C-alpha atoms as a PDB file:
ATOM      1  CA  MET A   1     -49.887  22.800  40.434  1.00  0.00           C
ATOM      2  CA  SER A   2     -47.652  19.854  39.825  1.00  0.00           C
ATOM      3  CA  ASP A   3     -49.642  16.310  39.756  1.00  0.00           C
ATOM      4  CA  ILE A   4     -46.704  14.230  39.755  1.00  0.00           C
ATOM      5  CA  SER A   5     -46.779  11.107  42.331  1.00  0.00           C
ATOM      6  CA  ARG A   6     -45.462   7.849  42.777  1.00  0.00           C
ATOM      7  CA  ARG A   7     -48.852   6.590  41.833  1.00  0.00           C
ATOM      8  CA  THR A   8     -48.994   8.660  38.923  1.00  0.00           C
ATOM      9  CA  LEU A   9     -45.578   7.693  38.222  1.00  0.00           C
ATOM     10  CA  LEU A  10     -47.014   4.243  38.202  1.00  0.00           C
ATOM     11  CA  THR A  11     -49.939   4.772  36.176  1.00  0.00           C
ATOM     12  CA  THR A  12     -48.526   6.165  33.702  1.00  0.00           C
ATOM     13  CA  SER A  13     -45.699   3.817  33.275  1.00  0.00           C
ATOM     14  CA  THR A  14     -47.903   1.006  33.102  1.00  0.00           C
ATOM     15  CA  ALA A  15     -50.586   2.405  30.772  1.00  0.00           C
ATOM     16  CA  ALA A  16     -47.617   3.485  28.245  1.00  0.00           C
ATOM     17  CA  LEU A  17     -46.139  -0.332  28.368  1.00  0.00           C
ATOM     18  CA  GLY A  18     -50.105  -1.230  27.616  1.00  0.00           C
ATOM     19  CA  THR A  19     -49.069   0.986  24.257  1.00  0.00           C
ATOM     20  CA  MET A  20     -45.612   0.394  23.191  1.00  0.00           C
ATOM     21  CA  SER A  21     -44.283  22.278  30.348  1.00  0.00           C
ATOM     22  CA  VAL A  22     -35.237  31.512  31.861  1.00  0.00           C
ATOM     23  CA  ALA A  23     -34.973  33.890  29.347  1.00  0.00           C
ATOM     24  CA  PRO A  24     -32.985  34.172  26.019  1.00  0.00           C
ATOM     25  CA  ALA A  25     -31.363  36.993  26.785  1.00  0.00           C
ATOM     26  CA  PHE A  26     -30.069  36.234  30.343  1.00  0.00           C
ATOM     27  CA  LEU A  27     -28.773  32.659  27.840  1.00  0.00           C
ATOM     28  CA  GLU A  28     -27.198  34.480  25.436  1.00  0.00           C
ATOM     29  CA  GLY A  29     -25.597  37.374  27.349  1.00  0.00           C
ATOM     30  CA  PHE A  30     -23.533  34.849  29.140  1.00  0.00           C
ATOM     31  CA  PHE A  31     -21.622  32.717  26.627  1.00  0.00           C
ATOM     32  CA  SER A  32     -18.115  31.984  26.985  1.00  0.00           C
ATOM     33  CA  SER A  33     -15.610  29.193  26.137  1.00  0.00           C
ATOM     34  CA  ALA A  34     -16.792  25.879  26.384  1.00  0.00           C
ATOM     35  CA  MET A  35     -16.030  23.130  29.391  1.00  0.00           C
ATOM     36  CA  ALA A  36     -13.891  20.256  28.805  1.00  0.00           C
ATOM     37  CA  GLN A  37     -15.477  17.313  27.266  1.00  0.00           C
ATOM     38  CA  SER A  38     -14.699  13.745  27.175  1.00  0.00           C
ATOM     39  CA  ALA A  39     -17.190  12.481  24.789  1.00  0.00           C
ATOM     40  CA  GLY A  40     -20.737  14.383  23.074  1.00  0.00           C
ATOM     41  CA  PHE A  41     -22.866  11.191  23.655  1.00  0.00           C
ATOM     42  CA  ASN A  42     -23.614   8.540  25.984  1.00  0.00           C
ATOM     43  CA  LYS A  43     -25.225   5.795  24.874  1.00  0.00           C
ATOM     44  CA  TYR A  44     -27.290   3.052  26.638  1.00  0.00           C
ATOM     45  CA  LYS A  45     -30.423   1.182  26.748  1.00  0.00           C
ATOM     46  CA  VAL A  46     -33.946   1.752  28.417  1.00  0.00           C
ATOM     47  CA  GLY A  47     -35.296  -1.557  28.488  1.00  0.00           C
ATOM     48  CA  THR A  48     -35.071  -2.745  24.529  1.00  0.00           C
ATOM     49  CA  ILE A  49     -35.342   1.053  23.560  1.00  0.00           C
ATOM     50  CA  GLU A  50     -31.787   2.591  22.494  1.00  0.00           C
ATOM     51  CA  ALA A  51     -31.010   5.957  24.179  1.00  0.00           C
ATOM     52  CA  ALA A  52     -28.297   8.942  24.775  1.00  0.00           C
ATOM     53  CA  GLY A  53     -27.500  12.210  26.133  1.00  0.00           C
ATOM     54  CA  ILE A  54     -26.527  14.377  23.618  1.00  0.00           C
ATOM     55  CA  ALA A  55     -24.031  17.097  24.646  1.00  0.00           C
ATOM     56  CA  ASP A  56     -25.327  20.696  22.881  1.00  0.00           C
ATOM     57  CA  GLY A  57     -22.268  22.669  25.439  1.00  0.00           C
ATOM     58  CA  VAL A  58     -22.185  24.145  28.436  1.00  0.00           C
ATOM     59  CA  ASN A  59     -22.570  28.017  29.472  1.00  0.00           C
ATOM     60  CA  THR A  60     -19.843  29.721  31.120  1.00  0.00           C
ATOM     61  CA  PHE A  61     -20.852  33.136  33.085  1.00  0.00           C
ATOM     62  CA  PRO A  62     -19.558  34.836  35.744  1.00  0.00           C
ATOM     63  CA  LEU A  63     -21.995  34.013  39.148  1.00  0.00           C
ATOM     64  CA  PRO A  64     -24.623  36.287  39.411  1.00  0.00           C
ATOM     65  CA  ASP A  65     -26.042  38.208  42.906  1.00  0.00           C
ATOM     66  CA  ARG A  66     -28.714  36.642  42.749  1.00  0.00           C
ATOM     67  CA  PHE A  67     -28.817  32.960  41.091  1.00  0.00           C
ATOM     68  CA  VAL A  68     -30.695  31.767  43.880  1.00  0.00           C
ATOM     69  CA  VAL A  69     -32.842  34.475  44.826  1.00  0.00           C
ATOM     70  CA  ASN A  70     -34.013  33.208  48.573  1.00  0.00           C
ATOM     71  CA  GLN A  71     -29.758  33.172  49.325  1.00  0.00           C
ATOM     72  CA  PRO A  72     -26.755  35.348  49.775  1.00  0.00           C
ATOM     73  CA  ARG A  73     -24.334  34.692  47.081  1.00  0.00           C
ATOM     74  CA  GLU A  74     -21.915  33.702  50.269  1.00  0.00           C
ATOM     75  CA  GLU A  75     -24.127  30.996  50.808  1.00  0.00           C
ATOM     76  CA  VAL A  76     -24.115  29.840  47.622  1.00  0.00           C
ATOM     77  CA  GLN A  77     -20.652  30.306  46.883  1.00  0.00           C
ATOM     78  CA  LYS A  78     -20.346  27.980  50.176  1.00  0.00           C
ATOM     79  CA  ALA A  79     -22.386  25.047  48.260  1.00  0.00           C
ATOM     80  CA  LEU A  80     -20.381  25.675  45.311  1.00  0.00           C
ATOM     81  CA  ALA A  81     -16.768  25.139  47.295  1.00  0.00           C
ATOM     82  CA  ALA A  82     -18.458  22.481  48.937  1.00  0.00           C
ATOM     83  CA  ALA A  83     -19.279  20.086  45.345  1.00  0.00           C
ATOM     84  CA  LYS A  84     -15.129  21.386  44.638  1.00  0.00           C
ATOM     85  CA  LEU A  85     -16.394  24.036  41.951  1.00  0.00           C
ATOM     86  CA  ASP A  86     -15.607  27.528  41.000  1.00  0.00           C
ATOM     87  CA  THR A  87     -17.127  30.060  43.479  1.00  0.00           C
ATOM     88  CA  GLU A  88     -17.031  33.650  40.840  1.00  0.00           C
ATOM     89  CA  LYS A  89     -18.447  31.563  38.065  1.00  0.00           C
ATOM     90  CA  LEU A  90     -21.382  28.837  37.086  1.00  0.00           C
ATOM     91  CA  SER A  91     -20.910  26.122  34.361  1.00  0.00           C
ATOM     92  CA  ILE A  92     -24.893  24.680  33.152  1.00  0.00           C
ATOM     93  CA  PRO A  93     -24.835  22.080  30.807  1.00  0.00           C
ATOM     94  CA  PHE A  94     -27.720  21.724  27.961  1.00  0.00           C
ATOM     95  CA  ASN A  95     -28.241  18.214  27.496  1.00  0.00           C
ATOM     96  CA  PRO A  96     -30.924  16.373  24.816  1.00  0.00           C
ATOM     97  CA  PHE A  97     -32.017  13.287  25.444  1.00  0.00           C
ATOM     98  CA  VAL A  98     -32.519  10.963  21.657  1.00  0.00           C
ATOM     99  CA  PHE A  99     -34.201   7.163  21.411  1.00  0.00           C
ATOM    100  CA  GLN A 100     -34.691   5.116  18.785  1.00  0.00           C
ATOM    101  CA  ASN A 101     -38.252   2.833  19.680  1.00  0.00           C
ATOM    102  CA  GLY A 102     -39.219   0.872  16.585  1.00  0.00           C
ATOM    103  CA  ASN A 103     -39.530   3.448  13.464  1.00  0.00           C
ATOM    104  CA  ARG A 104     -39.612   6.352  15.886  1.00  0.00           C
ATOM    105  CA  VAL A 105     -36.441   8.629  16.545  1.00  0.00           C
ATOM    106  CA  VAL A 106     -36.983  10.967  19.281  1.00  0.00           C
ATOM    107  CA  LEU A 107     -35.654  13.636  20.205  1.00  0.00           C
ATOM    108  CA  ILE A 108     -36.555  15.129  23.414  1.00  0.00           C
ATOM    109  CA  ASP A 109     -35.767  19.102  23.649  1.00  0.00           C
ATOM    110  CA  THR A 110     -33.411  21.140  21.114  1.00  0.00           C
ATOM    111  CA  GLY A 111     -30.058  22.753  22.753  1.00  0.00           C
ATOM    112  CA  MET A 112     -29.259  26.118  21.720  1.00  0.00           C
ATOM    113  CA  GLY A 113     -28.992  25.391  17.955  1.00  0.00           C
ATOM    114  CA  PRO A 114     -26.704  25.874  14.902  1.00  0.00           C
ATOM    115  CA  ALA A 115     -26.447  29.344  15.071  1.00  0.00           C
ATOM    116  CA  ALA A 116     -25.308  29.992  18.640  1.00  0.00           C
ATOM    117  CA  ASN A 117     -22.567  27.600  17.792  1.00  0.00           C
ATOM    118  CA  GLU A 118     -21.180  29.319  15.018  1.00  0.00           C
ATOM    119  CA  LYS A 119     -21.248  32.706  17.596  1.00  0.00           C
ATOM    120  CA  THR A 120     -19.713  30.482  19.975  1.00  0.00           C
ATOM    121  CA  PRO A 121     -18.688  27.479  20.080  1.00  0.00           C
ATOM    122  CA  ALA A 122     -19.283  26.529  23.306  1.00  0.00           C
ATOM    123  CA  VAL A 123     -22.748  25.279  22.937  1.00  0.00           C
ATOM    124  CA  GLY A 124     -25.232  24.460  19.742  1.00  0.00           C
ATOM    125  CA  ASN A 125     -23.123  21.119  19.598  1.00  0.00           C
ATOM    126  CA  ALA A 126     -26.367  19.071  20.027  1.00  0.00           C
ATOM    127  CA  VAL A 127     -26.656  18.361  15.820  1.00  0.00           C
ATOM    128  CA  LYS A 128     -22.705  17.576  15.192  1.00  0.00           C
ATOM    129  CA  ASN A 129     -23.280  15.080  18.268  1.00  0.00           C
ATOM    130  CA  LEU A 130     -26.202  13.488  17.411  1.00  0.00           C
ATOM    131  CA  SER A 131     -24.700  12.488  14.138  1.00  0.00           C
ATOM    132  CA  ALA A 132     -21.563  11.002  16.180  1.00  0.00           C
ATOM    133  CA  ALA A 133     -23.669   8.994  17.801  1.00  0.00           C
ATOM    134  CA  GLY A 134     -25.512   7.624  14.429  1.00  0.00           C
ATOM    135  CA  TYR A 135     -28.309  10.264  14.610  1.00  0.00           C
ATOM    136  CA  ASP A 136     -28.813  11.679  11.393  1.00  0.00           C
ATOM    137  CA  PRO A 137     -30.970  15.112  11.975  1.00  0.00           C
ATOM    138  CA  SER A 138     -33.597  14.200   8.853  1.00  0.00           C
ATOM    139  CA  LYS A 139     -34.416  10.944   9.700  1.00  0.00           C
ATOM    140  CA  ILE A 140     -35.433  12.517  13.365  1.00  0.00           C
ATOM    141  CA  THR A 141     -39.455  11.154  13.612  1.00  0.00           C
ATOM    142  CA  ASP A 142     -40.424  13.311  16.523  1.00  0.00           C
ATOM    143  CA  VAL A 143     -39.087  16.137  18.820  1.00  0.00           C
ATOM    144  CA  VAL A 144     -40.862  16.576  21.992  1.00  0.00           C
ATOM    145  CA  ILE A 145     -40.696  19.628  23.646  1.00  0.00           C
ATOM    146  CA  SER A 146     -40.391  19.999  27.633  1.00  0.00           C
ATOM    147  CA  HIS A 147     -41.225  23.536  27.490  1.00  0.00           C
ATOM    148  CA  PHE A 148     -40.400  26.893  25.716  1.00  0.00           C
ATOM    149  CA  HIS A 149     -37.047  28.472  27.651  1.00  0.00           C
ATOM    150  CA  GLY A 150     -34.731  29.283  24.533  1.00  0.00           C
ATOM    151  CA  ASP A 151     -31.793  25.964  25.465  1.00  0.00           C
ATOM    152  CA  HIS A 152     -34.657  23.714  24.483  1.00  0.00           C
ATOM    153  CA  ILE A 153     -36.546  25.371  21.944  1.00  0.00           C
ATOM    154  CA  ASN A 154     -33.686  27.775  19.655  1.00  0.00           C
ATOM    155  CA  GLY A 155     -32.308  24.398  17.960  1.00  0.00           C
ATOM    156  CA  LEU A 156     -35.550  23.506  16.013  1.00  0.00           C
ATOM    157  CA  LEU A 157     -34.336  26.264  13.464  1.00  0.00           C
ATOM    158  CA  ASN A 158     -31.263  26.485  11.711  1.00  0.00           C
ATOM    159  CA  GLY A 159     -31.239  29.724  10.177  1.00  0.00           C
ATOM    160  CA  ALA A 160     -35.104  29.936   8.756  1.00  0.00           C
ATOM    161  CA  ASN A 161     -35.045  26.275   8.321  1.00  0.00           C
ATOM    162  CA  PRO A 162     -36.479  23.789  10.458  1.00  0.00           C
ATOM    163  CA  THR A 163     -33.092  21.361  12.114  1.00  0.00           C
ATOM    164  CA  TYR A 164     -35.212  18.391  12.026  1.00  0.00           C
ATOM    165  CA  PRO A 165     -37.173  19.280   8.387  1.00  0.00           C
ATOM    166  CA  ASN A 166     -39.067  15.059   8.853  1.00  0.00           C
ATOM    167  CA  ALA A 167     -40.066  15.939  12.237  1.00  0.00           C
ATOM    168  CA  GLN A 168     -43.599  16.264  14.029  1.00  0.00           C
ATOM    169  CA  VAL A 169     -42.844  18.107  16.513  1.00  0.00           C
ATOM    170  CA  TRP A 170     -44.851  18.428  20.045  1.00  0.00           C
ATOM    171  CA  VAL A 171     -45.648  20.476  22.643  1.00  0.00           C
ATOM    172  CA  PRO A 172     -46.920  20.881  25.893  1.00  0.00           C
ATOM    173  CA  ALA A 173     -50.185  22.411  25.206  1.00  0.00           C
ATOM    174  CA  ALA A 174     -50.474  24.338  28.715  1.00  0.00           C
ATOM    175  CA  GLU A 175     -47.109  25.640  27.689  1.00  0.00           C
ATOM    176  CA  TRP A 176     -48.396  26.760  24.207  1.00  0.00           C
ATOM    177  CA  LYS A 177     -51.751  28.278  25.572  1.00  0.00           C
ATOM    178  CA  TYR A 178     -49.705  30.754  27.697  1.00  0.00           C
ATOM    179  CA  TRP A 179     -46.680  31.896  25.508  1.00  0.00           C
ATOM    180  CA  THR A 180     -49.161  32.407  22.952  1.00  0.00           C
ATOM    181  CA  ASP A 181     -51.436  34.347  24.934  1.00  0.00           C
ATOM    182  CA  ASP A 182     -51.395  38.328  23.964  1.00  0.00           C
ATOM    183  CA  GLY A 183     -52.688  38.587  27.354  1.00  0.00           C
ATOM    184  CA  GLU A 184     -49.699  36.506  29.216  1.00  0.00           C
ATOM    185  CA  LEU A 185     -47.697  38.896  26.940  1.00  0.00           C
ATOM    186  CA  SER A 186     -49.402  42.336  28.439  1.00  0.00           C
ATOM    187  CA  ARG A 187     -49.113  41.286  31.724  1.00  0.00           C
ATOM    188  CA  ALA A 188     -45.857  39.936  31.495  1.00  0.00           C
ATOM    189  CA  PRO A 189     -43.036  41.740  33.603  1.00  0.00           C
ATOM    190  CA  ASP A 190     -40.470  43.239  30.635  1.00  0.00           C
ATOM    191  CA  ALA A 191     -37.722  40.394  31.408  1.00  0.00           C
ATOM    192  CA  ARG A 192     -40.046  38.057  30.188  1.00  0.00           C
ATOM    193  CA  LYS A 193     -40.598  39.157  26.781  1.00  0.00           C
ATOM    194  CA  GLY A 194     -38.050  38.599  25.570  1.00  0.00           C
ATOM    195  CA  ALA A 195     -38.735  35.073  25.800  1.00  0.00           C
ATOM    196  CA  PHE A 196     -42.440  35.474  24.405  1.00  0.00           C
ATOM    197  CA  ALA A 197     -40.597  36.986  21.028  1.00  0.00           C
ATOM    198  CA  ASN A 198     -38.094  33.955  21.317  1.00  0.00           C
ATOM    199  CA  VAL A 199     -41.388  31.841  21.224  1.00  0.00           C
ATOM    200  CA  LYS A 200     -43.156  33.532  18.380  1.00  0.00           C
ATOM    201  CA  ARG A 201     -39.677  33.571  16.055  1.00  0.00           C
ATOM    202  CA  ILE A 202     -39.351  30.439  16.873  1.00  0.00           C
ATOM    203  CA  PHE A 203     -42.720  28.896  16.034  1.00  0.00           C
ATOM    204  CA  ALA A 204     -43.550  31.374  13.115  1.00  0.00           C
ATOM    205  CA  ASP A 205     -45.171  29.865  10.354  1.00  0.00           C
ATOM    206  CA  GLY A 206     -43.091  26.598   8.616  1.00  0.00           C
ATOM    207  CA  LEU A 207     -42.780  24.916  11.787  1.00  0.00           C
ATOM    208  CA  LYS A 208     -46.179  25.567  13.561  1.00  0.00           C
ATOM    209  CA  ASN A 209     -47.762  24.047  11.072  1.00  0.00           C
ATOM    210  CA  LYS A 210     -45.677  21.080  11.760  1.00  0.00           C
ATOM    211  CA  VAL A 211     -46.568  21.170  15.590  1.00  0.00           C
ATOM    212  CA  THR A 212     -48.746  19.307  18.121  1.00  0.00           C
ATOM    213  CA  GLN A 213     -49.682  19.713  21.340  1.00  0.00           C
ATOM    214  CA  TYR A 214     -49.822  17.199  23.639  1.00  0.00           C
ATOM    215  CA  GLU A 215     -51.457  16.803  27.276  1.00  0.00           C
ATOM    216  CA  HIS A 216     -49.950  15.523  30.569  1.00  0.00           C
ATOM    217  CA  GLY A 217     -50.879  12.217  31.663  1.00  0.00           C
ATOM    218  CA  LYS A 218     -50.735  10.778  28.084  1.00  0.00           C
ATOM    219  CA  GLU A 219     -47.986   9.235  26.267  1.00  0.00           C
ATOM    220  CA  VAL A 220     -46.602  11.527  23.818  1.00  0.00           C
ATOM    221  CA  VAL A 221     -45.376   8.949  21.316  1.00  0.00           C
ATOM    222  CA  PRO A 222     -44.847   4.954  22.166  1.00  0.00           C
ATOM    223  CA  GLY A 223     -43.356   4.370  25.460  1.00  0.00           C
ATOM    224  CA  LEU A 224     -42.990   8.059  26.372  1.00  0.00           C
ATOM    225  CA  THR A 225     -45.159   9.502  28.699  1.00  0.00           C
ATOM    226  CA  ALA A 226     -45.604  13.075  29.354  1.00  0.00           C
ATOM    227  CA  LEU A 227     -45.989  14.363  33.617  1.00  0.00           C
ATOM    228  CA  ALA A 228     -46.857  18.023  35.044  1.00  0.00           C
ATOM    229  CA  THR A 229     -44.167  19.052  36.367  1.00  0.00           C
ATOM    230  CA  PHE A 230     -45.091  22.975  36.976  1.00  0.00           C
ATOM    231  CA  GLY A 231     -43.524  26.103  38.400  1.00  0.00           C
ATOM    232  CA  HIS A 232     -40.328  26.557  36.007  1.00  0.00           C
ATOM    233  CA  THR A 233     -42.308  27.480  33.497  1.00  0.00           C
ATOM    234  CA  PRO A 234     -46.771  27.336  33.202  1.00  0.00           C
ATOM    235  CA  GLY A 235     -46.426  24.241  30.997  1.00  0.00           C
ATOM    236  CA  HIS A 236     -42.948  22.309  32.146  1.00  0.00           C
ATOM    237  CA  THR A 237     -42.815  18.891  31.162  1.00  0.00           C
ATOM    238  CA  SER A 238     -41.214  15.946  32.332  1.00  0.00           C
ATOM    239  CA  PHE A 239     -41.540  12.445  30.617  1.00  0.00           C
ATOM    240  CA  VAL A 240     -40.908   8.728  31.968  1.00  0.00           C
ATOM    241  CA  LEU A 241     -39.883   6.046  28.988  1.00  0.00           C
ATOM    242  CA  ALA A 242     -40.559   2.934  29.654  1.00  0.00           C
ATOM    243  CA  SER A 243     -39.826  -0.199  28.446  1.00  0.00           C
ATOM    244  CA  GLY A 244     -40.217  -3.823  29.566  1.00  0.00           C
ATOM    245  CA  SER A 245     -40.073  -3.480  33.780  1.00  0.00           C
ATOM    246  CA  ASP A 246     -37.590  -0.808  32.473  1.00  0.00           C
ATOM    247  CA  LYS A 247     -38.354   2.881  32.960  1.00  0.00           C
ATOM    248  CA  LEU A 248     -36.207   6.361  33.093  1.00  0.00           C
ATOM    249  CA  PHE A 249     -37.350   9.636  34.243  1.00  0.00           C
ATOM    250  CA  ILE A 250     -36.586  12.279  31.910  1.00  0.00           C
ATOM    251  CA  GLN A 251     -36.632  15.720  34.639  1.00  0.00           C
ATOM    252  CA  SER A 252     -36.288  18.595  31.790  1.00  0.00           C
ATOM    253  CA  ASP A 253     -35.902  21.453  33.985  1.00  0.00           C
ATOM    254  CA  VAL A 254     -36.983  20.188  37.506  1.00  0.00           C
ATOM    255  CA  THR A 255     -33.615  21.326  39.005  1.00  0.00           C
ATOM    256  CA  ASN A 256     -30.802  23.534  37.191  1.00  0.00           C
ATOM    257  CA  ILE A 257     -27.575  22.744  38.944  1.00  0.00           C
ATOM    258  CA  PRO A 258     -27.567  19.806  40.853  1.00  0.00           C
ATOM    259  CA  ALA A 259     -24.488  21.308  43.942  1.00  0.00           C
ATOM    260  CA  LEU A 260     -27.261  23.630  44.204  1.00  0.00           C
ATOM    261  CA  PHE A 261     -30.887  22.886  43.763  1.00  0.00           C
ATOM    262  CA  VAL A 262     -30.502  18.966  43.754  1.00  0.00           C
ATOM    263  CA  ALA A 263     -28.230  19.641  47.571  1.00  0.00           C
ATOM    264  CA  ASN A 264     -31.037  21.505  48.330  1.00  0.00           C
ATOM    265  CA  PRO A 265     -34.522  21.548  47.259  1.00  0.00           C
ATOM    266  CA  GLY A 266     -35.802  24.661  48.835  1.00  0.00           C
ATOM    267  CA  TRP A 267     -33.671  26.897  46.737  1.00  0.00           C
ATOM    268  CA  HIS A 268     -34.815  29.135  44.500  1.00  0.00           C
ATOM    269  CA  ALA A 269     -33.543  29.801  41.031  1.00  0.00           C
ATOM    270  CA  MET A 270     -33.690  32.693  38.992  1.00  0.00           C
ATOM    271  CA  PHE A 271     -34.913  30.833  36.016  1.00  0.00           C
ATOM    272  CA  ASP A 272     -38.299  29.409  37.853  1.00  0.00           C
ATOM    273  CA  GLN A 273     -41.592  31.262  37.109  1.00  0.00           C
ATOM    274  CA  ASP A 274     -43.409  30.045  40.381  1.00  0.00           C
ATOM    275  CA  ALA A 275     -40.588  29.257  43.064  1.00  0.00           C
ATOM    276  CA  LYS A 276     -42.722  28.344  45.564  1.00  0.00           C
ATOM    277  CA  MET A 277     -44.676  25.497  42.919  1.00  0.00           C
ATOM    278  CA  ALA A 278     -41.246  24.394  41.631  1.00  0.00           C
ATOM    279  CA  GLU A 279     -39.558  23.473  44.805  1.00  0.00           C
ATOM    280  CA  GLU A 280     -43.201  21.697  45.510  1.00  0.00           C
ATOM    281  CA  THR A 281     -42.427  20.049  42.596  1.00  0.00           C
ATOM    282  CA  ARG A 282     -39.220  19.215  42.863  1.00  0.00           C
ATOM    283  CA  ARG A 283     -39.165  17.577  46.589  1.00  0.00           C
ATOM    284  CA  LYS A 284     -42.483  15.325  45.095  1.00  0.00           C
ATOM    285  CA  THR A 285     -40.508  14.315  41.819  1.00  0.00           C
ATOM    286  CA  TYR A 286     -37.032  13.268  43.987  1.00  0.00           C
ATOM    287  CA  ASP A 287     -39.356  11.628  46.768  1.00  0.00           C
ATOM    288  CA  MET A 288     -40.377   9.972  43.983  1.00  0.00           C
ATOM    289  CA  VAL A 289     -37.609   8.649  41.648  1.00  0.00           C
ATOM    290  CA  SER A 290     -35.484   8.108  45.209  1.00  0.00           C
ATOM    291  CA  ALA A 291     -38.729   5.578  46.265  1.00  0.00           C
ATOM    292  CA  GLU A 292     -38.312   3.954  42.739  1.00  0.00           C
ATOM    293  CA  LYS A 293     -34.624   3.931  42.305  1.00  0.00           C
ATOM    294  CA  MET A 294     -35.099   5.216  39.171  1.00  0.00           C
ATOM    295  CA  ARG A 295     -32.600   6.224  36.978  1.00  0.00           C
ATOM    296  CA  VAL A 296     -33.236   9.629  35.971  1.00  0.00           C
ATOM    297  CA  GLN A 297     -31.846  11.810  32.905  1.00  0.00           C
ATOM    298  CA  GLY A 298     -31.176  15.822  33.691  1.00  0.00           C
ATOM    299  CA  PHE A 299     -30.802  18.444  30.564  1.00  0.00           C
ATOM    300  CA  HIS A 300     -28.568  20.590  33.075  1.00  0.00           C
ATOM    301  CA  PHE A 301     -27.172  17.548  34.637  1.00  0.00           C
ATOM    302  CA  PRO A 302     -23.288  17.088  34.118  1.00  0.00           C
ATOM    303  CA  PHE A 303     -22.693  15.576  31.123  1.00  0.00           C
ATOM    304  CA  PRO A 304     -23.536  12.305  30.830  1.00  0.00           C
ATOM    305  CA  SER A 305     -26.480  13.698  32.361  1.00  0.00           C
ATOM    306  CA  LEU A 306     -27.481  10.782  34.359  1.00  0.00           C
ATOM    307  CA  GLY A 307     -27.746   9.775  37.517  1.00  0.00           C
ATOM    308  CA  ARG A 308     -29.918   8.496  40.628  1.00  0.00           C
ATOM    309  CA  ILE A 309     -30.917  10.759  43.552  1.00  0.00           C
ATOM    310  CA  GLU A 310     -30.953   9.673  47.182  1.00  0.00           C
ATOM    311  CA  LYS A 311     -32.541  10.992  49.531  1.00  0.00           C
ATOM    312  CA  THR A 312     -30.556  12.849  52.873  1.00  0.00           C
ATOM    313  CA  ALA A 313     -31.292  14.463  55.762  1.00  0.00           C
ATOM    314  CA  THR A 314     -31.692  17.619  54.173  1.00  0.00           C
ATOM    315  CA  GLY A 315     -32.376  17.587  50.727  1.00  0.00           C
ATOM    316  CA  TYR A 316     -30.678  15.211  48.211  1.00  0.00           C
ATOM    317  CA  ASN A 317     -27.475  13.287  46.009  1.00  0.00           C
ATOM    318  CA  LEU A 318     -26.741  12.787  43.137  1.00  0.00           C
ATOM    319  CA  VAL A 319     -24.864  10.030  42.367  1.00  0.00           C
ATOM    320  CA  ALA A 320     -24.234  10.100  38.434  1.00  0.00           C
ATOM    321  CA  ALA A 321     -23.524   7.293  36.273  1.00  0.00           C
END
């Protein structure tokens, strides 16, 4: 179960201040043209920490019949129409996050990577936009991974070489345990086996030697505390970035498209491995961040991928920055 709660947030945020966890085949199968983007990065401050949302790109594909597994396609289309979105296609943004705290330059998740960009300019733009924002990939000191889906780890490699050659790579221990376990692979449904193969490919040989596992409820790097937000994957992780009295919640994939899953927290995305647990996590997370009036950075939020969550009578609402 997820350990996310208001008490957890307050406890882990205090600890952080004191020391200043989808199959790739699906993602790759629906690449098409990119949506227009006004900018590739969005810089702001968390206390004294410089931070930026980084646009990796947008994946647009025909609306699958079972994108929301517990709702008919017609209800999903109604929700998309209410949000003034295309009812025949979905557009999912990918937005990694970077911050600089002292001499540490930390990237959280990587996007689809330069190889994907060579195939389709719609995605794989994180390195280009990091550079445009003033962050040299060779000077990234730490890459922190939230979970092992391809849109979060594929950007660790540029061909056969590390994209961030001087970075320590931090991964959730629970996520590493699951995706590197041959027993779990043998029991996995066929649709998930490609994700296991992708994890093995990404973390082969040279990159594997740069990996350090981290535990939930503890700082990963100064100022950044990892919180278990399980359900999307077995070790899916969100984070609190804290500086002074200021805090930012980095939600990773607690939800996918906000118009569907923030507004309707009981809807289950096809990417969620344990849908019931993912829903419980989503409700607990959004109760907490809305009560705390905390800014939230979302990997799949529309760029600039930053906003606040407000509780409504039937769900929640994302108020974008």
